[in-house]
Amino acid sequence: MSARLQAFREYRERMNAQILDEATLTTKRFFNLDTRCYEDGALSARTKEMLGLSASLVLRCDDCIAYHTIRCVELGVSKAEILEIFDVGLIVGGSIVVPHLRRAHELLAELLDGEPA
């Protein structure tokens, strides 16, 4: 795992732990809902992560795009499938998604090839 990916994961885990340590019941419930939403149900966790990736592109959240791209790769989503997810996010979100798409492609290359694009 690259230093950039390791830093992303460590920061996310550290800050989530800090947030939850000081969280109100509302925040704790939200985090729990977020975790539970992506578990297998009528839709597989894999499918839900793909949906999360597409939505994150449309919403233009780089942290969310990174998280869902990582999870998609971990769950066995192929490069071809991820590229089509990127297409859906681009079509739905429009040209404003392009800068986020660049970073998503860079991350995907790093995840699959071990090197930034």
PDB file of N, CA and C in Angstrom:
ATOM      1  N   MET A   1       0.847  -1.173   0.000  1.00  0.00           N
ATOM      2  CA  MET A   1       0.000   0.000   0.000  1.00  0.00           C
ATOM      3  C   MET A   1       0.894   1.238   0.000  1.00  0.00           C
ATOM      4  N   SER A   2       0.546   2.199  -0.834  1.00  0.00           N
ATOM      5  CA  SER A   2       1.360   3.408  -0.937  1.00  0.00           C
ATOM      6  C   SER A   2       1.251   4.243   0.339  1.00  0.00           C
ATOM      7  N   ALA A   3       2.193   5.128   0.496  1.00  0.00           N
ATOM      8  CA  ALA A   3       2.191   6.015   1.663  1.00  0.00           C
ATOM      9  C   ALA A   3       0.932   6.885   1.666  1.00  0.00           C
ATOM     10  N   ARG A   4       0.502   7.318   0.484  1.00  0.00           N
ATOM     11  CA  ARG A   4      -0.700   8.160   0.396  1.00  0.00           C
ATOM     12  C   ARG A   4      -1.937   7.392   0.848  1.00  0.00           C
ATOM     13  N   LEU A   5      -2.084   6.149   0.406  1.00  0.00           N
ATOM     14  CA  LEU A   5      -3.240   5.346   0.807  1.00  0.00           C
ATOM     15  C   LEU A   5      -3.183   5.014   2.292  1.00  0.00           C
ATOM     16  N   GLN A   6      -2.003   4.701   2.780  1.00  0.00           N
ATOM     17  CA  GLN A   6      -1.842   4.416   4.211  1.00  0.00           C
ATOM     18  C   GLN A   6      -2.197   5.645   5.039  1.00  0.00           C
ATOM     19  N   ALA A   7      -1.744   6.814   4.610  1.00  0.00           N
ATOM     20  CA  ALA A   7      -2.047   8.051   5.337  1.00  0.00           C
ATOM     21  C   ALA A   7      -3.550   8.326   5.330  1.00  0.00           C
ATOM     22  N   PHE A   8      -4.209   8.097   4.187  1.00  0.00           N
ATOM     23  CA  PHE A   8      -5.660   8.297   4.094  1.00  0.00           C
ATOM     24  C   PHE A   8      -6.376   7.393   5.090  1.00  0.00           C
ATOM     25  N   ARG A   9      -6.025   6.129   5.104  1.00  0.00           N
ATOM     26  CA  ARG A   9      -6.679   5.171   6.000  1.00  0.00           C
ATOM     27  C   ARG A   9      -6.423   5.510   7.467  1.00  0.00           C
ATOM     28  N   GLU A  10      -5.176   5.824   7.796  1.00  0.00           N
ATOM     29  CA  GLU A  10      -4.850   6.141   9.188  1.00  0.00           C
ATOM     30  C   GLU A  10      -5.580   7.397   9.661  1.00  0.00           C
ATOM     31  N   TYR A  11      -5.603   8.419   8.823  1.00  0.00           N
ATOM     32  CA  TYR A  11      -6.295   9.660   9.185  1.00  0.00           C
ATOM     33  C   TYR A  11      -7.788   9.403   9.386  1.00  0.00           C
ATOM     34  N   ARG A  12      -8.397   8.688   8.443  1.00  0.00           N
ATOM     35  CA  ARG A  12      -9.828   8.397   8.524  1.00  0.00           C
ATOM     36  C   ARG A  12     -10.146   7.625   9.800  1.00  0.00           C
ATOM     37  N   GLU A  13      -9.376   6.588  10.084  1.00  0.00           N
ATOM     38  CA  GLU A  13      -9.620   5.783  11.286  1.00  0.00           C
ATOM     39  C   GLU A  13      -9.408   6.593  12.558  1.00  0.00           C
ATOM     40  N   ARG A  14      -8.333   7.384  12.589  1.00  0.00           N
ATOM     41  CA  ARG A  14      -8.031   8.188  13.782  1.00  0.00           C
ATOM     42  C   ARG A  14      -9.128   9.213  14.039  1.00  0.00           C
ATOM     43  N   MET A  15      -9.538   9.913  12.992  1.00  0.00           N
ATOM     44  CA  MET A  15     -10.544  10.963  13.173  1.00  0.00           C
ATOM     45  C   MET A  15     -11.930  10.385  13.460  1.00  0.00           C
ATOM     46  N   ASN A  16     -12.271   9.269  12.820  1.00  0.00           N
ATOM     47  CA  ASN A  16     -13.555   8.641  13.134  1.00  0.00           C
ATOM     48  C   ASN A  16     -13.597   8.210  14.594  1.00  0.00           C
ATOM     49  N   ALA A  17     -12.491   7.655  15.092  1.00  0.00           N
ATOM     50  CA  ALA A  17     -12.426   7.249  16.496  1.00  0.00           C
ATOM     51  C   ALA A  17     -12.578   8.461  17.416  1.00  0.00           C
ATOM     52  N   GLN A  18     -11.914   9.553  17.069  1.00  0.00           N
ATOM     53  CA  GLN A  18     -12.018  10.775  17.881  1.00  0.00           C
ATOM     54  C   GLN A  18     -13.445  11.313  17.862  1.00  0.00           C
ATOM     55  N   ILE A  19     -14.038  11.357  16.687  1.00  0.00           N
ATOM     56  CA  ILE A  19     -15.416  11.850  16.572  1.00  0.00           C
ATOM     57  C   ILE A  19     -16.351  10.990  17.419  1.00  0.00           C
ATOM     58  N   LEU A  20     -16.233   9.673  17.283  1.00  0.00           N
ATOM     59  CA  LEU A  20     -17.124   8.778  18.015  1.00  0.00           C
ATOM     60  C   LEU A  20     -16.875   8.810  19.519  1.00  0.00           C
ATOM     61  N   ASP A  21     -15.633   9.078  19.921  1.00  0.00           N
ATOM     62  CA  ASP A  21     -15.319   9.184  21.340  1.00  0.00           C
ATOM     63  C   ASP A  21     -16.043  10.363  21.986  1.00  0.00           C
ATOM     64  N   GLU A  22     -16.244  11.423  21.234  1.00  0.00           N
ATOM     65  CA  GLU A  22     -16.881  12.642  21.739  1.00  0.00           C
ATOM     66  C   GLU A  22     -18.306  12.823  21.215  1.00  0.00           C
ATOM     67  N   ALA A  23     -18.816  11.837  20.496  1.00  0.00           N
ATOM     68  CA  ALA A  23     -20.057  11.997  19.736  1.00  0.00           C
ATOM     69  C   ALA A  23     -21.308  12.054  20.599  1.00  0.00           C
ATOM     70  N   THR A  24     -22.261  12.782  20.075  1.00  0.00           N
ATOM     71  CA  THR A  24     -23.609  12.757  20.630  1.00  0.00           C
ATOM     72  C   THR A  24     -24.296  11.481  20.139  1.00  0.00           C
ATOM     73  N   LEU A  25     -25.423  11.185  20.698  1.00  0.00           N
ATOM     74  CA  LEU A  25     -26.187  10.019  20.278  1.00  0.00           C
ATOM     75  C   LEU A  25     -26.550  10.126  18.790  1.00  0.00           C
ATOM     76  N   THR A  26     -26.864  11.318  18.339  1.00  0.00           N
ATOM     77  CA  THR A  26     -27.218  11.528  16.935  1.00  0.00           C
ATOM     78  C   THR A  26     -26.063  11.152  16.019  1.00  0.00           C
ATOM     79  N   THR A  27     -24.864  11.607  16.344  1.00  0.00           N
ATOM     80  CA  THR A  27     -23.691  11.283  15.527  1.00  0.00           C
ATOM     81  C   THR A  27     -23.417   9.789  15.552  1.00  0.00           C
ATOM     82  N   LYS A  28     -23.490   9.183  16.723  1.00  0.00           N
ATOM     83  CA  LYS A  28     -23.269   7.739  16.824  1.00  0.00           C
ATOM     84  C   LYS A  28     -24.287   6.970  15.990  1.00  0.00           C
ATOM     85  N   ARG A  29     -25.525   7.398  16.031  1.00  0.00           N
ATOM     86  CA  ARG A  29     -26.557   6.726  15.239  1.00  0.00           C
ATOM     87  C   ARG A  29     -26.304   6.897  13.748  1.00  0.00           C
ATOM     88  N   PHE A  30     -25.876   8.090  13.343  1.00  0.00           N
ATOM     89  CA  PHE A  30     -25.582   8.312  11.926  1.00  0.00           C
ATOM     90  C   PHE A  30     -24.446   7.403  11.459  1.00  0.00           C
ATOM     91  N   PHE A  31     -23.374   7.353  12.218  1.00  0.00           N
ATOM     92  CA  PHE A  31     -22.238   6.491  11.857  1.00  0.00           C
ATOM     93  C   PHE A  31     -22.691   5.030  11.773  1.00  0.00           C
ATOM     94  N   ASN A  32     -23.526   4.598  12.714  1.00  0.00           N
ATOM     95  CA  ASN A  32     -24.031   3.233  12.702  1.00  0.00           C
ATOM     96  C   ASN A  32     -24.879   2.978  11.448  1.00  0.00           C
ATOM     97  N   LEU A  33     -25.748   3.914  11.108  1.00  0.00           N
ATOM     98  CA  LEU A  33     -26.563   3.772   9.901  1.00  0.00           C
ATOM     99  C   LEU A  33     -25.685   3.682   8.658  1.00  0.00           C
ATOM    100  N   ASP A  34     -24.654   4.510   8.613  1.00  0.00           N
ATOM    101  CA  ASP A  34     -23.745   4.506   7.469  1.00  0.00           C
ATOM    102  C   ASP A  34     -23.077   3.138   7.330  1.00  0.00           C
ATOM    103  N   THR A  35     -22.609   2.598   8.428  1.00  0.00           N
ATOM    104  CA  THR A  35     -21.967   1.279   8.404  1.00  0.00           C
ATOM    105  C   THR A  35     -22.958   0.200   7.998  1.00  0.00           C
ATOM    106  N   ARG A  36     -24.117   0.192   8.606  1.00  0.00           N
ATOM    107  CA  ARG A  36     -25.113  -0.854   8.348  1.00  0.00           C
ATOM    108  C   ARG A  36     -25.672  -0.775   6.930  1.00  0.00           C
ATOM    109  N   CYS A  37     -25.768   0.414   6.388  1.00  0.00           N
ATOM    110  CA  CYS A  37     -26.324   0.593   5.049  1.00  0.00           C
ATOM    111  C   CYS A  37     -25.541  -0.185   4.000  1.00  0.00           C
ATOM    112  N   TYR A  38     -24.242  -0.309   4.176  1.00  0.00           N
ATOM    113  CA  TYR A  38     -23.378  -0.946   3.177  1.00  0.00           C
ATOM    114  C   TYR A  38     -23.184  -2.447   3.413  1.00  0.00           C
ATOM    115  N   GLU A  39     -23.918  -3.022   4.355  1.00  0.00           N
ATOM    116  CA  GLU A  39     -23.862  -4.468   4.578  1.00  0.00           C
ATOM    117  C   GLU A  39     -24.753  -5.175   3.566  1.00  0.00           C
ATOM    118  N   ASP A  40     -24.492  -6.479   3.372  1.00  0.00           N
ATOM    119  CA  ASP A  40     -25.350  -7.279   2.502  1.00  0.00           C
ATOM    120  C   ASP A  40     -26.797  -7.215   2.965  1.00  0.00           C
ATOM    121  N   GLY A  41     -27.683  -7.096   2.007  1.00  0.00           N
ATOM    122  CA  GLY A  41     -29.125  -7.111   2.259  1.00  0.00           C
ATOM    123  C   GLY A  41     -29.775  -7.586   0.970  1.00  0.00           C
ATOM    124  N   ALA A  42     -30.865  -6.959   0.577  1.00  0.00           N
ATOM    125  CA  ALA A  42     -31.464  -7.273  -0.718  1.00  0.00           C
ATOM    126  C   ALA A  42     -30.450  -7.002  -1.830  1.00  0.00           C
ATOM    127  N   LEU A  43     -29.612  -5.996  -1.617  1.00  0.00           N
ATOM    128  CA  LEU A  43     -28.473  -5.720  -2.497  1.00  0.00           C
ATOM    129  C   LEU A  43     -27.207  -6.162  -1.784  1.00  0.00           C
ATOM    130  N   SER A  44     -26.256  -6.655  -2.531  1.00  0.00           N
ATOM    131  CA  SER A  44     -24.985  -7.070  -1.934  1.00  0.00           C
ATOM    132  C   SER A  44     -24.182  -5.848  -1.493  1.00  0.00           C
ATOM    133  N   ALA A  45     -23.270  -6.063  -0.560  1.00  0.00           N
ATOM    134  CA  ALA A  45     -22.362  -4.990  -0.130  1.00  0.00           C
ATOM    135  C   ALA A  45     -21.590  -4.456  -1.337  1.00  0.00           C
ATOM    136  N   ARG A  46     -21.208  -5.331  -2.222  1.00  0.00           N
ATOM    137  CA  ARG A  46     -20.476  -4.957  -3.440  1.00  0.00           C
ATOM    138  C   ARG A  46     -21.291  -3.966  -4.275  1.00  0.00           C
ATOM    139  N   THR A  47     -22.558  -4.290  -4.500  1.00  0.00           N
ATOM    140  CA  THR A  47     -23.433  -3.403  -5.277  1.00  0.00           C
ATOM    141  C   THR A  47     -23.614  -2.066  -4.574  1.00  0.00           C
ATOM    142  N   LYS A  48     -23.792  -2.106  -3.269  1.00  0.00           N
ATOM    143  CA  LYS A  48     -23.984  -0.870  -2.512  1.00  0.00           C
ATOM    144  C   LYS A  48     -22.749   0.029  -2.575  1.00  0.00           C
ATOM    145  N   GLU A  49     -21.556  -0.567  -2.541  1.00  0.00           N
ATOM    146  CA  GLU A  49     -20.333   0.233  -2.661  1.00  0.00           C
ATOM    147  C   GLU A  49     -20.246   0.874  -4.052  1.00  0.00           C
ATOM    148  N   MET A  50     -20.663   0.140  -5.072  1.00  0.00           N
ATOM    149  CA  MET A  50     -20.665   0.717  -6.422  1.00  0.00           C
ATOM    150  C   MET A  50     -21.637   1.897  -6.499  1.00  0.00           C
ATOM    151  N   LEU A  51     -22.798   1.751  -5.879  1.00  0.00           N
ATOM    152  CA  LEU A  51     -23.758   2.855  -5.840  1.00  0.00           C
ATOM    153  C   LEU A  51     -23.182   4.036  -5.065  1.00  0.00           C
ATOM    154  N   GLY A  52     -22.522   3.735  -3.948  1.00  0.00           N
ATOM    155  CA  GLY A  52     -21.897   4.796  -3.154  1.00  0.00           C
ATOM    156  C   GLY A  52     -20.841   5.539  -3.929  1.00  0.00           C
ATOM    157  N   LEU A  53     -20.074   4.827  -4.750  1.00  0.00           N
ATOM    158  CA  LEU A  53     -19.044   5.466  -5.564  1.00  0.00           C
ATOM    159  C   LEU A  53     -19.669   6.406  -6.584  1.00  0.00           C
ATOM    160  N   SER A  54     -20.702   5.951  -7.261  1.00  0.00           N
ATOM    161  CA  SER A  54     -21.360   6.799  -8.252  1.00  0.00           C
ATOM    162  C   SER A  54     -21.938   8.060  -7.595  1.00  0.00           C
ATOM    163  N   ALA A  55     -22.629   7.867  -6.471  1.00  0.00           N
ATOM    164  CA  ALA A  55     -23.212   9.012  -5.764  1.00  0.00           C
ATOM    165  C   ALA A  55     -22.136   9.972  -5.274  1.00  0.00           C
ATOM    166  N   SER A  56     -21.025   9.447  -4.809  1.00  0.00           N
ATOM    167  CA  SER A  56     -19.938  10.290  -4.311  1.00  0.00           C
ATOM    168  C   SER A  56     -19.338  11.150  -5.424  1.00  0.00           C
ATOM    169  N   LEU A  57     -19.246  10.588  -6.628  1.00  0.00           N
ATOM    170  CA  LEU A  57     -18.772  11.377  -7.769  1.00  0.00           C
ATOM    171  C   LEU A  57     -19.724  12.527  -8.042  1.00  0.00           C
ATOM    172  N   VAL A  58     -21.012  12.234  -8.055  1.00  0.00           N
ATOM    173  CA  VAL A  58     -22.009  13.269  -8.327  1.00  0.00           C
ATOM    174  C   VAL A  58     -21.974  14.348  -7.246  1.00  0.00           C
ATOM    175  N   LEU A  59     -21.772  13.934  -6.000  1.00  0.00           N
ATOM    176  CA  LEU A  59     -21.718  14.887  -4.889  1.00  0.00           C
ATOM    177  C   LEU A  59     -20.362  15.578  -4.755  1.00  0.00           C
ATOM    178  N   ARG A  60     -19.378  15.079  -5.518  1.00  0.00           N
ATOM    179  CA  ARG A  60     -18.047  15.675  -5.583  1.00  0.00           C
ATOM    180  C   ARG A  60     -17.338  15.680  -4.226  1.00  0.00           C
ATOM    181  N   CYS A  61     -17.376  14.525  -3.559  1.00  0.00           N
ATOM    182  CA  CYS A  61     -16.700  14.369  -2.270  1.00  0.00           C
ATOM    183  C   CYS A  61     -15.472  13.478  -2.463  1.00  0.00           C
ATOM    184  N   ASP A  62     -14.291  14.079  -2.514  1.00  0.00           N
ATOM    185  CA  ASP A  62     -13.068  13.310  -2.765  1.00  0.00           C
ATOM    186  C   ASP A  62     -12.809  12.231  -1.724  1.00  0.00           C
ATOM    187  N   ASP A  63     -13.058  12.521  -0.447  1.00  0.00           N
ATOM    188  CA  ASP A  63     -12.865  11.495   0.580  1.00  0.00           C
ATOM    189  C   ASP A  63     -13.807  10.316   0.343  1.00  0.00           C
ATOM    190  N   CYS A  64     -15.056  10.608   0.017  1.00  0.00           N
ATOM    191  CA  CYS A  64     -16.030   9.541  -0.233  1.00  0.00           C
ATOM    192  C   CYS A  64     -15.672   8.759  -1.492  1.00  0.00           C
ATOM    193  N   ILE A  65     -15.234   9.465  -2.532  1.00  0.00           N
ATOM    194  CA  ILE A  65     -14.810   8.800  -3.766  1.00  0.00           C
ATOM    195  C   ILE A  65     -13.657   7.851  -3.461  1.00  0.00           C
ATOM    196  N   ALA A  66     -12.689   8.329  -2.702  1.00  0.00           N
ATOM    197  CA  ALA A  66     -11.539   7.487  -2.348  1.00  0.00           C
ATOM    198  C   ALA A  66     -11.995   6.277  -1.539  1.00  0.00           C
ATOM    199  N   TYR A  67     -12.806   6.503  -0.526  1.00  0.00           N
ATOM    200  CA  TYR A  67     -13.254   5.403   0.327  1.00  0.00           C
ATOM    201  C   TYR A  67     -13.996   4.347  -0.491  1.00  0.00           C
ATOM    202  N   HIS A  68     -14.950   4.775  -1.311  1.00  0.00           N
ATOM    203  CA  HIS A  68     -15.747   3.813  -2.072  1.00  0.00           C
ATOM    204  C   HIS A  68     -14.933   3.141  -3.181  1.00  0.00           C
ATOM    205  N   THR A  69     -13.967   3.842  -3.745  1.00  0.00           N
ATOM    206  CA  THR A  69     -13.090   3.210  -4.739  1.00  0.00           C
ATOM    207  C   THR A  69     -12.272   2.111  -4.069  1.00  0.00           C
ATOM    208  N   ILE A  70     -11.708   2.409  -2.911  1.00  0.00           N
ATOM    209  CA  ILE A  70     -10.944   1.415  -2.158  1.00  0.00           C
ATOM    210  C   ILE A  70     -11.825   0.212  -1.821  1.00  0.00           C
ATOM    211  N   ARG A  71     -13.022   0.464  -1.316  1.00  0.00           N
ATOM    212  CA  ARG A  71     -13.928  -0.633  -0.948  1.00  0.00           C
ATOM    213  C   ARG A  71     -14.330  -1.448  -2.174  1.00  0.00           C
ATOM    214  N   CYS A  72     -14.574  -0.789  -3.301  1.00  0.00           N
ATOM    215  CA  CYS A  72     -14.924  -1.523  -4.518  1.00  0.00           C
ATOM    216  C   CYS A  72     -13.804  -2.478  -4.907  1.00  0.00           C
ATOM    217  N   VAL A  73     -12.576  -1.989  -4.877  1.00  0.00           N
ATOM    218  CA  VAL A  73     -11.431  -2.843  -5.217  1.00  0.00           C
ATOM    219  C   VAL A  73     -11.340  -3.997  -4.218  1.00  0.00           C
ATOM    220  N   GLU A  74     -11.498  -3.704  -2.926  1.00  0.00           N
ATOM    221  CA  GLU A  74     -11.447  -4.753  -1.905  1.00  0.00           C
ATOM    222  C   GLU A  74     -12.527  -5.812  -2.109  1.00  0.00           C
ATOM    223  N   LEU A  75     -13.669  -5.402  -2.628  1.00  0.00           N
ATOM    224  CA  LEU A  75     -14.785  -6.329  -2.816  1.00  0.00           C
ATOM    225  C   LEU A  75     -14.789  -6.981  -4.199  1.00  0.00           C
ATOM    226  N   GLY A  76     -13.719  -6.772  -4.959  1.00  0.00           N
ATOM    227  CA  GLY A  76     -13.578  -7.481  -6.219  1.00  0.00           C
ATOM    228  C   GLY A  76     -14.240  -6.851  -7.426  1.00  0.00           C
ATOM    229  N   VAL A  77     -14.599  -5.594  -7.331  1.00  0.00           N
ATOM    230  CA  VAL A  77     -15.160  -4.904  -8.496  1.00  0.00           C
ATOM    231  C   VAL A  77     -14.023  -4.715  -9.496  1.00  0.00           C
ATOM    232  N   SER A  78     -14.261  -5.088 -10.733  1.00  0.00           N
ATOM    233  CA  SER A  78     -13.208  -5.037 -11.748  1.00  0.00           C
ATOM    234  C   SER A  78     -12.933  -3.604 -12.191  1.00  0.00           C
ATOM    235  N   LYS A  79     -11.776  -3.413 -12.785  1.00  0.00           N
ATOM    236  CA  LYS A  79     -11.425  -2.100 -13.328  1.00  0.00           C
ATOM    237  C   LYS A  79     -12.461  -1.658 -14.355  1.00  0.00           C
ATOM    238  N   ALA A  80     -12.880  -2.573 -15.225  1.00  0.00           N
ATOM    239  CA  ALA A  80     -13.879  -2.227 -16.249  1.00  0.00           C
ATOM    240  C   ALA A  80     -15.183  -1.766 -15.598  1.00  0.00           C
ATOM    241  N   GLU A  81     -15.595  -2.451 -14.525  1.00  0.00           N
ATOM    242  CA  GLU A  81     -16.816  -2.050 -13.825  1.00  0.00           C
ATOM    243  C   GLU A  81     -16.649  -0.676 -13.180  1.00  0.00           C
ATOM    244  N   ILE A  82     -15.514  -0.442 -12.558  1.00  0.00           N
ATOM    245  CA  ILE A  82     -15.276   0.853 -11.912  1.00  0.00           C
ATOM    246  C   ILE A  82     -15.260   1.971 -12.947  1.00  0.00           C
ATOM    247  N   LEU A  83     -14.655   1.730 -14.095  1.00  0.00           N
ATOM    248  CA  LEU A  83     -14.640   2.756 -15.138  1.00  0.00           C
ATOM    249  C   LEU A  83     -16.054   3.090 -15.601  1.00  0.00           C
ATOM    250  N   GLU A  84     -16.933   2.101 -15.656  1.00  0.00           N
ATOM    251  CA  GLU A  84     -18.328   2.382 -16.018  1.00  0.00           C
ATOM    252  C   GLU A  84     -19.049   3.134 -14.905  1.00  0.00           C
ATOM    253  N   ILE A  85     -18.710   2.844 -13.656  1.00  0.00           N
ATOM    254  CA  ILE A  85     -19.272   3.613 -12.536  1.00  0.00           C
ATOM    255  C   ILE A  85     -18.833   5.067 -12.665  1.00  0.00           C
ATOM    256  N   PHE A  86     -17.561   5.274 -12.986  1.00  0.00           N
ATOM    257  CA  PHE A  86     -17.071   6.639 -13.215  1.00  0.00           C
ATOM    258  C   PHE A  86     -17.888   7.316 -14.315  1.00  0.00           C
ATOM    259  N   ASP A  87     -18.212   6.576 -15.384  1.00  0.00           N
ATOM    260  CA  ASP A  87     -19.019   7.133 -16.478  1.00  0.00           C
ATOM    261  C   ASP A  87     -20.390   7.587 -15.990  1.00  0.00           C
ATOM    262  N   VAL A  88     -21.031   6.750 -15.176  1.00  0.00           N
ATOM    263  CA  VAL A  88     -22.354   7.108 -14.655  1.00  0.00           C
ATOM    264  C   VAL A  88     -22.263   8.383 -13.821  1.00  0.00           C
ATOM    265  N   GLY A  89     -21.272   8.449 -12.941  1.00  0.00           N
ATOM    266  CA  GLY A  89     -21.098   9.652 -12.127  1.00  0.00           C
ATOM    267  C   GLY A  89     -20.855  10.889 -12.973  1.00  0.00           C
ATOM    268  N   LEU A  90     -20.083  10.736 -14.029  1.00  0.00           N
ATOM    269  CA  LEU A  90     -19.803  11.860 -14.922  1.00  0.00           C
ATOM    270  C   LEU A  90     -21.057  12.300 -15.665  1.00  0.00           C
ATOM    271  N   ILE A  91     -21.805  11.360 -16.197  1.00  0.00           N
ATOM    272  CA  ILE A  91     -23.017  11.708 -16.944  1.00  0.00           C
ATOM    273  C   ILE A  91     -24.044  12.375 -16.044  1.00  0.00           C
ATOM    274  N   VAL A  92     -24.253  11.814 -14.856  1.00  0.00           N
ATOM    275  CA  VAL A  92     -25.248  12.376 -13.944  1.00  0.00           C
ATOM    276  C   VAL A  92     -24.778  13.713 -13.380  1.00  0.00           C
ATOM    277  N   GLY A  93     -23.495  13.801 -13.039  1.00  0.00           N
ATOM    278  CA  GLY A  93     -22.977  15.005 -12.391  1.00  0.00           C
ATOM    279  C   GLY A  93     -22.542  16.111 -13.334  1.00  0.00           C
ATOM    280  N   GLY A  94     -22.209  15.749 -14.564  1.00  0.00           N
ATOM    281  CA  GLY A  94     -21.784  16.749 -15.539  1.00  0.00           C
ATOM    282  C   GLY A  94     -20.304  17.089 -15.428  1.00  0.00           C
ATOM    283  N   SER A  95     -19.908  18.078 -16.173  1.00  0.00           N
ATOM    284  CA  SER A  95     -18.487  18.413 -16.311  1.00  0.00           C
ATOM    285  C   SER A  95     -17.840  18.838 -14.997  1.00  0.00           C
ATOM    286  N   ILE A  96     -18.616  19.275 -14.026  1.00  0.00           N
ATOM    287  CA  ILE A  96     -18.057  19.669 -12.732  1.00  0.00           C
ATOM    288  C   ILE A  96     -17.411  18.476 -12.020  1.00  0.00           C
ATOM    289  N   VAL A  97     -17.753  17.262 -12.451  1.00  0.00           N
ATOM    290  CA  VAL A  97     -17.200  16.037 -11.863  1.00  0.00           C
ATOM    291  C   VAL A  97     -15.787  15.751 -12.378  1.00  0.00           C
ATOM    292  N   VAL A  98     -15.402  16.344 -13.509  1.00  0.00           N
ATOM    293  CA  VAL A  98     -14.132  15.997 -14.153  1.00  0.00           C
ATOM    294  C   VAL A  98     -12.924  16.108 -13.215  1.00  0.00           C
ATOM    295  N   PRO A  99     -12.751  17.178 -12.432  1.00  0.00           N
ATOM    296  CA  PRO A  99     -11.584  17.216 -11.541  1.00  0.00           C
ATOM    297  C   PRO A  99     -11.563  16.042 -10.541  1.00  0.00           C
ATOM    298  N   HIS A 100     -12.722  15.641 -10.075  1.00  0.00           N
ATOM    299  CA  HIS A 100     -12.816  14.524  -9.134  1.00  0.00           C
ATOM    300  C   HIS A 100     -12.555  13.207  -9.855  1.00  0.00           C
ATOM    301  N   LEU A 101     -12.959  13.140 -11.110  1.00  0.00           N
ATOM    302  CA  LEU A 101     -12.705  11.965 -11.933  1.00  0.00           C
ATOM    303  C   LEU A 101     -11.211  11.769 -12.151  1.00  0.00           C
ATOM    304  N   ARG A 102     -10.489  12.864 -12.323  1.00  0.00           N
ATOM    305  CA  ARG A 102      -9.029  12.773 -12.478  1.00  0.00           C
ATOM    306  C   ARG A 102      -8.400  12.122 -11.258  1.00  0.00           C
ATOM    307  N   ARG A 103      -8.788  12.609 -10.076  1.00  0.00           N
ATOM    308  CA  ARG A 103      -8.221  12.061  -8.843  1.00  0.00           C
ATOM    309  C   ARG A 103      -8.663  10.615  -8.636  1.00  0.00           C
ATOM    310  N   ALA A 104      -9.884  10.294  -9.035  1.00  0.00           N
ATOM    311  CA  ALA A 104     -10.375   8.920  -8.912  1.00  0.00           C
ATOM    312  C   ALA A 104      -9.578   7.978  -9.813  1.00  0.00           C
ATOM    313  N   HIS A 105      -9.280   8.407 -11.027  1.00  0.00           N
ATOM    314  CA  HIS A 105      -8.470   7.587 -11.938  1.00  0.00           C
ATOM    315  C   HIS A 105      -7.062   7.390 -11.375  1.00  0.00           C
ATOM    316  N   GLU A 106      -6.506   8.436 -10.814  1.00  0.00           N
ATOM    317  CA  GLU A 106      -5.174   8.336 -10.219  1.00  0.00           C
ATOM    318  C   GLU A 106      -5.176   7.324  -9.073  1.00  0.00           C
ATOM    319  N   LEU A 107      -6.187   7.408  -8.226  1.00  0.00           N
ATOM    320  CA  LEU A 107      -6.293   6.480  -7.105  1.00  0.00           C
ATOM    321  C   LEU A 107      -6.496   5.050  -7.596  1.00  0.00           C
ATOM    322  N   LEU A 108      -7.352   4.863  -8.582  1.00  0.00           N
ATOM    323  CA  LEU A 108      -7.605   3.520  -9.099  1.00  0.00           C
ATOM    324  C   LEU A 108      -6.321   2.900  -9.644  1.00  0.00           C
ATOM    325  N   ALA A 109      -5.548   3.676 -10.372  1.00  0.00           N
ATOM    326  CA  ALA A 109      -4.274   3.172 -10.894  1.00  0.00           C
ATOM    327  C   ALA A 109      -3.350   2.770  -9.753  1.00  0.00           C
ATOM    328  N   GLU A 110      -3.334   3.573  -8.712  1.00  0.00           N
ATOM    329  CA  GLU A 110      -2.486   3.275  -7.553  1.00  0.00           C
ATOM    330  C   GLU A 110      -2.953   1.997  -6.853  1.00  0.00           C
ATOM    331  N   LEU A 111      -4.261   1.817  -6.736  1.00  0.00           N
ATOM    332  CA  LEU A 111      -4.793   0.625  -6.102  1.00  0.00           C
ATOM    333  C   LEU A 111      -4.511  -0.637  -6.909  1.00  0.00           C
ATOM    334  N   LEU A 112      -4.639  -0.525  -8.223  1.00  0.00           N
ATOM    335  CA  LEU A 112      -4.517  -1.711  -9.063  1.00  0.00           C
ATOM    336  C   LEU A 112      -3.068  -2.000  -9.479  1.00  0.00           C
ATOM    337  N   ASP A 113      -2.300  -0.947  -9.678  1.00  0.00           N
ATOM    338  CA  ASP A 113      -0.935  -1.118 -10.183  1.00  0.00           C
ATOM    339  C   ASP A 113       0.142  -0.844  -9.130  1.00  0.00           C
ATOM    340  N   GLY A 114      -0.289  -0.262  -8.016  1.00  0.00           N
ATOM    341  CA  GLY A 114       0.650   0.084  -6.975  1.00  0.00           C
ATOM    342  C   GLY A 114       1.385   1.394  -7.227  1.00  0.00           C
ATOM    343  N   GLU A 115       1.024   2.080  -8.294  1.00  0.00           N
ATOM    344  CA  GLU A 115       1.696   3.332  -8.656  1.00  0.00           C
ATOM    345  C   GLU A 115       0.636   4.379  -8.997  1.00  0.00           C
ATOM    346  N   PRO A 116       0.860   5.650  -8.615  1.00  0.00           N
ATOM    347  CA  PRO A 116      -0.038   6.698  -9.071  1.00  0.00           C
ATOM    348  C   PRO A 116      -0.001   6.797 -10.587  1.00  0.00           C
ATOM    349  N   ALA A 117      -1.107   7.207 -11.165  1.00  0.00           N
ATOM    350  CA  ALA A 117      -1.166   7.324 -12.637  1.00  0.00           C
ATOM    351  C   ALA A 117      -0.257   8.427 -13.131  1.00  0.00           C
TER     352      ALA A 117
END
